[in-house]
N, C-alpha and C. Protein backbone atom coordinates (compact mmCIF):
# COMPACT_ATOMS: atom_id res chain seq x y z
N MET A 1 106.06 234.89 -39.33
CA MET A 1 106.30 233.49 -38.99
C MET A 1 105.29 233.05 -37.94
N ASN A 2 104.63 231.94 -38.18
CA ASN A 2 103.66 231.41 -37.23
C ASN A 2 104.38 230.77 -36.05
N SER A 3 103.80 230.93 -34.87
CA SER A 3 104.42 230.30 -33.70
C SER A 3 104.08 228.82 -33.68
N LYS A 4 104.90 228.06 -33.03
CA LYS A 4 104.67 226.62 -32.89
C LYS A 4 103.54 226.40 -31.90
N GLN A 5 102.81 225.30 -32.08
CA GLN A 5 101.69 224.97 -31.21
C GLN A 5 101.96 223.64 -30.53
N TYR A 6 101.73 223.58 -29.23
CA TYR A 6 101.98 222.38 -28.45
C TYR A 6 100.82 222.13 -27.50
N ALA A 7 100.59 220.87 -27.19
CA ALA A 7 99.65 220.47 -26.13
C ALA A 7 100.46 219.71 -25.09
N VAL A 8 100.30 220.10 -23.85
CA VAL A 8 100.97 219.41 -22.75
C VAL A 8 99.89 218.73 -21.93
N LEU A 9 99.94 217.41 -21.88
CA LEU A 9 98.95 216.61 -21.17
C LEU A 9 99.55 216.12 -19.87
N GLY A 10 99.09 216.69 -18.78
CA GLY A 10 99.64 216.38 -17.47
C GLY A 10 100.51 217.52 -16.99
N LEU A 11 100.14 218.11 -15.87
CA LEU A 11 100.82 219.31 -15.39
C LEU A 11 101.46 219.11 -14.03
N GLY A 12 102.11 217.97 -13.89
CA GLY A 12 102.91 217.76 -12.68
C GLY A 12 104.15 218.64 -12.77
N ILE A 13 105.20 218.29 -12.05
CA ILE A 13 106.42 219.09 -12.07
C ILE A 13 106.99 219.18 -13.47
N PHE A 14 107.12 218.04 -14.14
CA PHE A 14 107.70 218.04 -15.49
C PHE A 14 106.80 218.75 -16.49
N GLY A 15 105.53 218.38 -16.54
CA GLY A 15 104.60 218.94 -17.51
C GLY A 15 104.42 220.45 -17.37
N SER A 16 104.31 220.92 -16.15
CA SER A 16 104.14 222.36 -15.95
C SER A 16 105.41 223.12 -16.33
N THR A 17 106.57 222.52 -16.09
CA THR A 17 107.83 223.15 -16.50
C THR A 17 107.92 223.21 -18.02
N VAL A 18 107.55 222.13 -18.69
CA VAL A 18 107.56 222.12 -20.16
C VAL A 18 106.60 223.18 -20.70
N ALA A 19 105.39 223.22 -20.16
CA ALA A 19 104.37 224.15 -20.64
C ALA A 19 104.81 225.60 -20.48
N THR A 20 105.31 225.95 -19.31
CA THR A 20 105.69 227.34 -19.07
C THR A 20 106.95 227.72 -19.85
N THR A 21 107.87 226.80 -20.02
CA THR A 21 109.08 227.08 -20.80
C THR A 21 108.73 227.31 -22.26
N LEU A 22 107.87 226.47 -22.81
CA LEU A 22 107.44 226.67 -24.20
C LEU A 22 106.76 228.02 -24.36
N ALA A 23 105.92 228.37 -23.41
CA ALA A 23 105.22 229.66 -23.47
C ALA A 23 106.21 230.83 -23.41
N GLU A 24 107.24 230.69 -22.59
CA GLU A 24 108.26 231.74 -22.49
C GLU A 24 108.98 231.95 -23.82
N TYR A 25 109.08 230.89 -24.62
CA TYR A 25 109.73 230.97 -25.93
C TYR A 25 108.76 231.39 -27.03
N GLY A 26 107.56 231.82 -26.64
CA GLY A 26 106.61 232.36 -27.61
C GLY A 26 105.76 231.32 -28.32
N CYS A 27 105.74 230.10 -27.83
CA CYS A 27 104.92 229.05 -28.43
C CYS A 27 103.50 229.13 -27.88
N GLU A 28 102.54 228.70 -28.71
CA GLU A 28 101.16 228.56 -28.24
C GLU A 28 101.07 227.23 -27.51
N VAL A 29 100.55 227.26 -26.29
CA VAL A 29 100.52 226.05 -25.46
C VAL A 29 99.12 225.83 -24.91
N ILE A 30 98.60 224.62 -25.13
CA ILE A 30 97.36 224.18 -24.48
C ILE A 30 97.79 223.20 -23.39
N ALA A 31 97.46 223.52 -22.16
CA ALA A 31 97.86 222.71 -21.01
C ALA A 31 96.63 222.02 -20.43
N VAL A 32 96.71 220.70 -20.22
CA VAL A 32 95.56 219.93 -19.77
C VAL A 32 95.94 219.06 -18.57
N ASP A 33 95.09 219.07 -17.56
CA ASP A 33 95.27 218.18 -16.41
C ASP A 33 93.91 218.00 -15.75
N GLN A 34 93.75 216.91 -15.03
CA GLN A 34 92.48 216.69 -14.34
C GLN A 34 92.44 217.39 -12.99
N ASP A 35 93.58 217.83 -12.49
CA ASP A 35 93.65 218.53 -11.20
C ASP A 35 93.55 220.03 -11.43
N GLU A 36 92.47 220.61 -10.94
CA GLU A 36 92.21 222.03 -11.17
C GLU A 36 93.32 222.93 -10.63
N SER A 37 93.92 222.55 -9.50
CA SER A 37 94.99 223.39 -8.94
C SER A 37 96.22 223.42 -9.84
N CYS A 38 96.51 222.32 -10.52
CA CYS A 38 97.63 222.29 -11.47
C CYS A 38 97.33 223.18 -12.67
N VAL A 39 96.11 223.14 -13.14
CA VAL A 39 95.70 223.97 -14.28
C VAL A 39 95.76 225.44 -13.90
N GLU A 40 95.26 225.78 -12.72
CA GLU A 40 95.28 227.17 -12.26
C GLU A 40 96.71 227.70 -12.13
N ARG A 41 97.65 226.83 -11.75
CA ARG A 41 99.04 227.24 -11.55
C ARG A 41 99.68 227.75 -12.84
N VAL A 42 99.30 227.19 -14.00
CA VAL A 42 99.92 227.59 -15.27
C VAL A 42 99.00 228.44 -16.15
N ALA A 43 97.78 228.64 -15.73
CA ALA A 43 96.76 229.29 -16.58
C ALA A 43 97.17 230.66 -17.09
N ASP A 44 97.84 231.44 -16.28
CA ASP A 44 98.22 232.79 -16.69
C ASP A 44 99.44 232.82 -17.61
N GLU A 45 100.12 231.70 -17.75
CA GLU A 45 101.35 231.67 -18.53
C GLU A 45 101.19 231.01 -19.90
N VAL A 46 100.17 230.17 -20.06
CA VAL A 46 99.98 229.44 -21.32
C VAL A 46 98.83 230.04 -22.12
N THR A 47 98.70 229.60 -23.37
CA THR A 47 97.64 230.11 -24.23
C THR A 47 96.27 229.70 -23.73
N LYS A 48 96.12 228.43 -23.36
CA LYS A 48 94.84 227.92 -22.88
C LYS A 48 95.13 226.82 -21.87
N ALA A 49 94.40 226.83 -20.76
CA ALA A 49 94.54 225.81 -19.73
C ALA A 49 93.17 225.17 -19.50
N VAL A 50 93.14 223.84 -19.50
CA VAL A 50 91.87 223.11 -19.45
C VAL A 50 91.92 222.02 -18.38
N VAL A 51 90.83 221.93 -17.61
CA VAL A 51 90.68 220.83 -16.66
C VAL A 51 89.96 219.70 -17.39
N ALA A 52 90.64 218.57 -17.56
CA ALA A 52 90.04 217.41 -18.21
C ALA A 52 90.87 216.17 -17.91
N ASN A 53 90.21 215.04 -17.92
CA ASN A 53 90.89 213.76 -17.77
C ASN A 53 91.10 213.19 -19.17
N VAL A 54 92.30 213.27 -19.69
CA VAL A 54 92.56 212.84 -21.07
C VAL A 54 92.52 211.32 -21.22
N THR A 55 92.46 210.58 -20.12
CA THR A 55 92.36 209.12 -20.21
C THR A 55 90.90 208.65 -20.25
N ASP A 56 89.95 209.57 -20.08
CA ASP A 56 88.53 209.25 -20.08
C ASP A 56 87.91 209.68 -21.41
N GLN A 57 87.47 208.72 -22.23
CA GLN A 57 86.93 209.05 -23.54
C GLN A 57 85.72 209.97 -23.46
N GLU A 58 84.85 209.79 -22.50
CA GLU A 58 83.67 210.64 -22.36
C GLU A 58 84.07 212.08 -22.05
N ASP A 59 85.06 212.24 -21.20
CA ASP A 59 85.53 213.58 -20.87
C ASP A 59 86.18 214.25 -22.09
N ARG A 60 86.92 213.47 -22.88
CA ARG A 60 87.56 214.01 -24.07
C ARG A 60 86.53 214.47 -25.10
N LYS A 61 85.42 213.74 -25.19
CA LYS A 61 84.38 214.12 -26.16
C LYS A 61 83.68 215.42 -25.74
N SER A 62 83.53 215.63 -24.43
CA SER A 62 82.77 216.80 -23.98
C SER A 62 83.64 218.04 -23.79
N THR A 63 84.95 217.89 -23.82
CA THR A 63 85.85 219.02 -23.59
C THR A 63 86.31 219.58 -24.92
N ARG A 64 86.04 220.85 -25.14
CA ARG A 64 86.49 221.49 -26.37
C ARG A 64 87.75 222.27 -26.08
N LEU A 65 88.80 221.93 -26.76
CA LEU A 65 90.05 222.65 -26.59
C LEU A 65 90.07 223.74 -27.61
């Protein structure tokens, strides 16, 4: 059975809780935030953690998830 895949955009209190909980349940999680410290906080728990501003089109084009 393939695991579910999720992207969590924004890693504040709610987003980081969602990302880490999904990861605990065996889901693949891509976590994205523009604040590097928020990304570092969840990096070891999720599948992939990325520093990017998802509201900036230029940043979205240059960031490969």
